[in-house]
């Protein structure tokens, strides 16, 4: 179970890194510093992770030139 949770966290972080952090934090309703804690693997709640996951559905990926 622990490895499954780590894989889910890893997938969310990978998807979040391909998006605009400011827009993602605004849609998720969390502070930008909180989003950065999630992305850097520091302490955060599962509610925060769920909010980020839900925000990923509406925030488009960054365009790479």
PDB file of N, CA and C in Angstrom:
ATOM      1  N   UNK A   1       0.822  -1.195   0.000  1.00  0.00           N
ATOM      2  CA  UNK A   1       0.000   0.000   0.000  1.00  0.00           C
ATOM      3  C   UNK A   1       0.867   1.259   0.000  1.00  0.00           C
ATOM      4  N   UNK A   2       1.940   1.241   0.757  1.00  0.00           N
ATOM      5  CA  UNK A   2       2.809   2.403   0.845  1.00  0.00           C
ATOM      6  C   UNK A   2       3.442   2.729  -0.506  1.00  0.00           C
ATOM      7  N   UNK A   3       3.867   1.728  -1.252  1.00  0.00           N
ATOM      8  CA  UNK A   3       4.474   1.976  -2.553  1.00  0.00           C
ATOM      9  C   UNK A   3       3.437   2.486  -3.555  1.00  0.00           C
ATOM     10  N   UNK A   4       2.198   2.036  -3.421  1.00  0.00           N
ATOM     11  CA  UNK A   4       1.121   2.515  -4.290  1.00  0.00           C
ATOM     12  C   UNK A   4       0.873   4.004  -4.038  1.00  0.00           C
ATOM     13  N   UNK A   5       0.859   4.402  -2.772  1.00  0.00           N
ATOM     14  CA  UNK A   5       0.676   5.805  -2.410  1.00  0.00           C
ATOM     15  C   UNK A   5       1.827   6.652  -2.933  1.00  0.00           C
ATOM     16  N   UNK A   6       3.036   6.164  -2.800  1.00  0.00           N
ATOM     17  CA  UNK A   6       4.204   6.897  -3.308  1.00  0.00           C
ATOM     18  C   UNK A   6       4.122   7.070  -4.822  1.00  0.00           C
ATOM     19  N   UNK A   7       3.618   6.056  -5.525  1.00  0.00           N
ATOM     20  CA  UNK A   7       3.479   6.149  -6.979  1.00  0.00           C
ATOM     21  C   UNK A   7       2.433   7.195  -7.355  1.00  0.00           C
ATOM     22  N   UNK A   8       1.332   7.242  -6.612  1.00  0.00           N
ATOM     23  CA  UNK A   8       0.288   8.239  -6.866  1.00  0.00           C
ATOM     24  C   UNK A   8       0.848   9.645  -6.630  1.00  0.00           C
ATOM     25  N   UNK A   9       1.563   9.828  -5.526  1.00  0.00           N
ATOM     26  CA  UNK A   9       2.188  11.120  -5.237  1.00  0.00           C
ATOM     27  C   UNK A   9       3.155  11.515  -6.347  1.00  0.00           C
ATOM     28  N   UNK A  10       3.962  10.567  -6.800  1.00  0.00           N
ATOM     29  CA  UNK A  10       4.934  10.826  -7.862  1.00  0.00           C
ATOM     30  C   UNK A  10       4.228  11.243  -9.149  1.00  0.00           C
ATOM     31  N   UNK A  11       3.147  10.565  -9.507  1.00  0.00           N
ATOM     32  CA  UNK A  11       2.395  10.895 -10.724  1.00  0.00           C
ATOM     33  C   UNK A  11       1.800  12.302 -10.650  1.00  0.00           C
ATOM     34  N   UNK A  12       1.267  12.659  -9.488  1.00  0.00           N
ATOM     35  CA  UNK A  12       0.685  13.994  -9.309  1.00  0.00           C
ATOM     36  C   UNK A  12       1.758  15.066  -9.439  1.00  0.00           C
ATOM     37  N   UNK A  13       2.901  14.839  -8.810  1.00  0.00           N
ATOM     38  CA  UNK A  13       3.994  15.812  -8.879  1.00  0.00           C
ATOM     39  C   UNK A  13       4.500  15.951 -10.310  1.00  0.00           C
ATOM     40  N   UNK A  14       4.646  14.856 -11.026  1.00  0.00           N
ATOM     41  CA  UNK A  14       5.116  14.909 -12.414  1.00  0.00           C
ATOM     42  C   UNK A  14       4.157  15.715 -13.290  1.00  0.00           C
ATOM     43  N   UNK A  15       2.870  15.510 -13.085  1.00  0.00           N
ATOM     44  CA  UNK A  15       1.875  16.265 -13.851  1.00  0.00           C
ATOM     45  C   UNK A  15       1.892  17.745 -13.463  1.00  0.00           C
ATOM     46  N   UNK A  16       2.059  18.016 -12.182  1.00  0.00           N
ATOM     47  CA  UNK A  16       2.058  19.401 -11.695  1.00  0.00           C
ATOM     48  C   UNK A  16       3.259  20.177 -12.228  1.00  0.00           C
ATOM     49  N   UNK A  17       4.384  19.517 -12.402  1.00  0.00           N
ATOM     50  CA  UNK A  17       5.579  20.194 -12.893  1.00  0.00           C
ATOM     51  C   UNK A  17       5.430  20.654 -14.341  1.00  0.00           C
ATOM     52  N   UNK A  18       4.486  20.081 -15.058  1.00  0.00           N
ATOM     53  CA  UNK A  18       4.252  20.467 -16.450  1.00  0.00           C
ATOM     54  C   UNK A  18       3.201  21.571 -16.573  1.00  0.00           C
ATOM     55  N   UNK A  19       2.838  22.176 -15.448  1.00  0.00           N
ATOM     56  CA  UNK A  19       1.823  23.219 -15.452  1.00  0.00           C
ATOM     57  C   UNK A  19       2.348  24.482 -14.767  1.00  0.00           C
ATOM     58  N   UNK A  20       1.626  25.573 -14.983  1.00  0.00           N
ATOM     59  CA  UNK A  20       1.964  26.843 -14.355  1.00  0.00           C
ATOM     60  C   UNK A  20       1.660  26.749 -12.862  1.00  0.00           C
ATOM     61  N   UNK A  21       2.670  26.917 -12.026  1.00  0.00           N
ATOM     62  CA  UNK A  21       2.507  26.737 -10.574  1.00  0.00           C
ATOM     63  C   UNK A  21       1.555  27.753  -9.968  1.00  0.00           C
ATOM     64  N   UNK A  22       1.637  29.009 -10.418  1.00  0.00           N
ATOM     65  CA  UNK A  22       0.755  30.038  -9.859  1.00  0.00           C
ATOM     66  C   UNK A  22      -0.702  29.733 -10.171  1.00  0.00           C
ATOM     67  N   UNK A  23      -0.974  29.378 -11.417  1.00  0.00           N
ATOM     68  CA  UNK A  23      -2.347  29.058 -11.808  1.00  0.00           C
ATOM     69  C   UNK A  23      -2.835  27.802 -11.095  1.00  0.00           C
ATOM     70  N   UNK A  24      -1.987  26.816 -10.969  1.00  0.00           N
ATOM     71  CA  UNK A  24      -2.353  25.568 -10.306  1.00  0.00           C
ATOM     72  C   UNK A  24      -2.679  25.804  -8.833  1.00  0.00           C
ATOM     73  N   UNK A  25      -1.882  26.607  -8.155  1.00  0.00           N
ATOM     74  CA  UNK A  25      -2.150  26.875  -6.736  1.00  0.00           C
ATOM     75  C   UNK A  25      -3.430  27.678  -6.565  1.00  0.00           C
ATOM     76  N   UNK A  26      -3.701  28.591  -7.494  1.00  0.00           N
ATOM     77  CA  UNK A  26      -4.918  29.395  -7.414  1.00  0.00           C
ATOM     78  C   UNK A  26      -6.159  28.525  -7.627  1.00  0.00           C
ATOM     79  N   UNK A  27      -6.134  27.651  -8.610  1.00  0.00           N
ATOM     80  CA  UNK A  27      -7.268  26.766  -8.873  1.00  0.00           C
ATOM     81  C   UNK A  27      -7.459  25.777  -7.721  1.00  0.00           C
ATOM     82  N   UNK A  28      -6.359  25.301  -7.145  1.00  0.00           N
ATOM     83  CA  UNK A  28      -6.438  24.352  -6.038  1.00  0.00           C
ATOM     84  C   UNK A  28      -6.868  25.028  -4.738  1.00  0.00           C
ATOM     85  N   UNK A  29      -6.764  26.362  -4.683  1.00  0.00           N
ATOM     86  CA  UNK A  29      -7.139  27.088  -3.479  1.00  0.00           C
ATOM     87  C   UNK A  29      -6.125  26.954  -2.368  1.00  0.00           C
ATOM     88  N   UNK A  30      -4.855  26.814  -2.757  1.00  0.00           N
ATOM     89  CA  UNK A  30      -3.783  26.704  -1.765  1.00  0.00           C
ATOM     90  C   UNK A  30      -2.733  27.771  -2.056  1.00  0.00           C
ATOM     91  N   UNK A  31      -1.924  28.071  -1.073  1.00  0.00           N
ATOM     92  CA  UNK A  31      -0.858  29.056  -1.225  1.00  0.00           C
ATOM     93  C   UNK A  31       0.244  28.467  -2.098  1.00  0.00           C
ATOM     94  N   UNK A  32       0.912  29.319  -2.837  1.00  0.00           N
ATOM     95  CA  UNK A  32       1.991  28.880  -3.724  1.00  0.00           C
ATOM     96  C   UNK A  32       3.089  28.155  -2.940  1.00  0.00           C
ATOM     97  N   UNK A  33       3.390  28.612  -1.741  1.00  0.00           N
ATOM     98  CA  UNK A  33       4.413  27.939  -0.919  1.00  0.00           C
ATOM     99  C   UNK A  33       3.980  26.519  -0.550  1.00  0.00           C
ATOM    100  N   UNK A  34       2.681  26.330  -0.324  1.00  0.00           N
ATOM    101  CA  UNK A  34       2.165  24.988  -0.014  1.00  0.00           C
ATOM    102  C   UNK A  34       2.329  24.073  -1.219  1.00  0.00           C
ATOM    103  N   UNK A  35       2.048  24.590  -2.403  1.00  0.00           N
ATOM    104  CA  UNK A  35       2.234  23.794  -3.623  1.00  0.00           C
ATOM    105  C   UNK A  35       3.707  23.425  -3.776  1.00  0.00           C
ATOM    106  N   UNK A  36       4.590  24.353  -3.497  1.00  0.00           N
ATOM    107  CA  UNK A  36       6.022  24.063  -3.598  1.00  0.00           C
ATOM    108  C   UNK A  36       6.451  22.991  -2.610  1.00  0.00           C
ATOM    109  N   UNK A  37       5.838  22.973  -1.418  1.00  0.00           N
ATOM    110  CA  UNK A  37       6.143  21.909  -0.450  1.00  0.00           C
ATOM    111  C   UNK A  37       5.732  20.549  -1.009  1.00  0.00           C
ATOM    112  N   UNK A  38       4.591  20.490  -1.684  1.00  0.00           N
ATOM    113  CA  UNK A  38       4.146  19.228  -2.298  1.00  0.00           C
ATOM    114  C   UNK A  38       5.142  18.805  -3.373  1.00  0.00           C
ATOM    115  N   UNK A  39       5.539  19.743  -4.217  1.00  0.00           N
ATOM    116  CA  UNK A  39       6.432  19.424  -5.332  1.00  0.00           C
ATOM    117  C   UNK A  39       7.824  19.012  -4.874  1.00  0.00           C
ATOM    118  N   UNK A  40       8.251  19.503  -3.714  1.00  0.00           N
ATOM    119  CA  UNK A  40       9.586  19.168  -3.214  1.00  0.00           C
ATOM    120  C   UNK A  40       9.566  18.048  -2.184  1.00  0.00           C
ATOM    121  N   UNK A  41       8.411  17.420  -1.992  1.00  0.00           N
ATOM    122  CA  UNK A  41       8.331  16.258  -1.113  1.00  0.00           C
ATOM    123  C   UNK A  41       8.409  16.565   0.364  1.00  0.00           C
ATOM    124  N   UNK A  42       8.089  17.784   0.737  1.00  0.00           N
ATOM    125  CA  UNK A  42       8.115  18.140   2.151  1.00  0.00           C
ATOM    126  C   UNK A  42       6.749  17.851   2.774  1.00  0.00           C
ATOM    127  N   UNK A  43       6.561  18.254   4.015  1.00  0.00           N
ATOM    128  CA  UNK A  43       5.356  17.914   4.760  1.00  0.00           C
ATOM    129  C   UNK A  43       4.104  18.631   4.218  1.00  0.00           C
ATOM    130  N   UNK A  44       3.044  17.869   3.975  1.00  0.00           N
ATOM    131  CA  UNK A  44       1.763  18.403   3.523  1.00  0.00           C
ATOM    132  C   UNK A  44       0.678  17.391   3.872  1.00  0.00           C
ATOM    133  N   UNK A  45      -0.575  17.816   3.793  1.00  0.00           N
ATOM    134  CA  UNK A  45      -1.683  16.926   4.139  1.00  0.00           C
ATOM    135  C   UNK A  45      -2.223  16.237   2.881  1.00  0.00           C
ATOM    136  N   UNK A  46      -2.970  15.170   3.095  1.00  0.00           N
ATOM    137  CA  UNK A  46      -3.575  14.469   1.966  1.00  0.00           C
ATOM    138  C   UNK A  46      -4.648  15.327   1.308  1.00  0.00           C
ATOM    139  N   UNK A  47      -5.279  16.218   2.094  1.00  0.00           N
ATOM    140  CA  UNK A  47      -6.259  17.134   1.527  1.00  0.00           C
ATOM    141  C   UNK A  47      -5.598  18.045   0.493  1.00  0.00           C
ATOM    142  N   UNK A  48      -4.395  18.500   0.799  1.00  0.00           N
ATOM    143  CA  UNK A  48      -3.651  19.344  -0.136  1.00  0.00           C
ATOM    144  C   UNK A  48      -3.330  18.571  -1.407  1.00  0.00           C
ATOM    145  N   UNK A  49      -2.896  17.342  -1.260  1.00  0.00           N
ATOM    146  CA  UNK A  49      -2.585  16.512  -2.416  1.00  0.00           C
ATOM    147  C   UNK A  49      -3.833  16.287  -3.268  1.00  0.00           C
ATOM    148  N   UNK A  50      -4.969  16.071  -2.617  1.00  0.00           N
ATOM    149  CA  UNK A  50      -6.232  15.887  -3.337  1.00  0.00           C
ATOM    150  C   UNK A  50      -6.617  17.161  -4.081  1.00  0.00           C
ATOM    151  N   UNK A  51      -6.432  18.322  -3.462  1.00  0.00           N
ATOM    152  CA  UNK A  51      -6.755  19.590  -4.129  1.00  0.00           C
ATOM    153  C   UNK A  51      -5.896  19.785  -5.374  1.00  0.00           C
ATOM    154  N   UNK A  52      -4.619  19.449  -5.255  1.00  0.00           N
ATOM    155  CA  UNK A  52      -3.715  19.572  -6.408  1.00  0.00           C
ATOM    156  C   UNK A  52      -4.162  18.620  -7.508  1.00  0.00           C
ATOM    157  N   UNK A  53      -4.506  17.404  -7.134  1.00  0.00           N
ATOM    158  CA  UNK A  53      -4.958  16.413  -8.113  1.00  0.00           C
ATOM    159  C   UNK A  53      -6.198  16.906  -8.856  1.00  0.00           C
ATOM    160  N   UNK A  54      -7.151  17.487  -8.137  1.00  0.00           N
ATOM    161  CA  UNK A  54      -8.358  17.998  -8.760  1.00  0.00           C
ATOM    162  C   UNK A  54      -8.069  19.201  -9.657  1.00  0.00           C
ATOM    163  N   UNK A  55      -7.147  20.052  -9.257  1.00  0.00           N
ATOM    164  CA  UNK A  55      -6.782  21.223 -10.054  1.00  0.00           C
ATOM    165  C   UNK A  55      -6.083  20.827 -11.348  1.00  0.00           C
ATOM    166  N   UNK A  56      -5.391  19.693 -11.333  1.00  0.00           N
ATOM    167  CA  UNK A  56      -4.702  19.226 -12.550  1.00  0.00           C
ATOM    168  C   UNK A  56      -5.682  18.979 -13.695  1.00  0.00           C
ATOM    169  N   UNK A  57      -6.923  18.686 -13.350  1.00  0.00           N
ATOM    170  CA  UNK A  57      -7.927  18.398 -14.381  1.00  0.00           C
ATOM    171  C   UNK A  57      -8.326  19.646 -15.156  1.00  0.00           C
ATOM    172  N   UNK A  58      -8.166  20.838 -14.566  1.00  0.00           N
ATOM    173  CA  UNK A  58      -8.617  22.061 -15.230  1.00  0.00           C
ATOM    174  C   UNK A  58      -7.483  22.957 -15.725  1.00  0.00           C
ATOM    175  N   UNK A  59      -6.297  22.818 -15.167  1.00  0.00           N
ATOM    176  CA  UNK A  59      -5.172  23.668 -15.566  1.00  0.00           C
ATOM    177  C   UNK A  59      -4.444  22.986 -16.723  1.00  0.00           C
ATOM    178  N   UNK A  60      -4.343  23.685 -17.871  1.00  0.00           N
ATOM    179  CA  UNK A  60      -3.666  23.065 -19.026  1.00  0.00           C
ATOM    180  C   UNK A  60      -2.152  22.993 -18.838  1.00  0.00           C
ATOM    181  N   UNK A  61      -1.533  22.099 -19.584  1.00  0.00           N
ATOM    182  CA  UNK A  61      -0.076  21.974 -19.543  1.00  0.00           C
ATOM    183  C   UNK A  61       0.568  23.192 -20.187  1.00  0.00           C
ATOM    184  N   UNK A  62       1.795  23.504 -19.755  1.00  0.00           N
ATOM    185  CA  UNK A  62       2.548  24.619 -20.334  1.00  0.00           C
ATOM    186  C   UNK A  62       2.916  24.253 -21.761  1.00  0.00           C
ATOM    187  N   UNK A  63       2.942  25.283 -22.608  1.00  0.00           N
ATOM    188  CA  UNK A  63       3.392  25.064 -23.974  1.00  0.00           C
ATOM    189  C   UNK A  63       4.909  25.145 -24.015  1.00  0.00           C
ATOM    190  N   UNK A  64       5.522  24.178 -24.662  1.00  0.00           N
ATOM    191  CA  UNK A  64       6.976  24.151 -24.781  1.00  0.00           C
ATOM    192  C   UNK A  64       7.328  24.630 -26.183  1.00  0.00           C
ATOM    193  N   UNK A  65       8.198  25.624 -26.240  1.00  0.00           N
ATOM    194  CA  UNK A  65       8.582  26.184 -27.548  1.00  0.00           C
ATOM    195  C   UNK A  65       9.877  25.619 -28.013  1.00  0.00           C
TER     196      UNK A  65
END
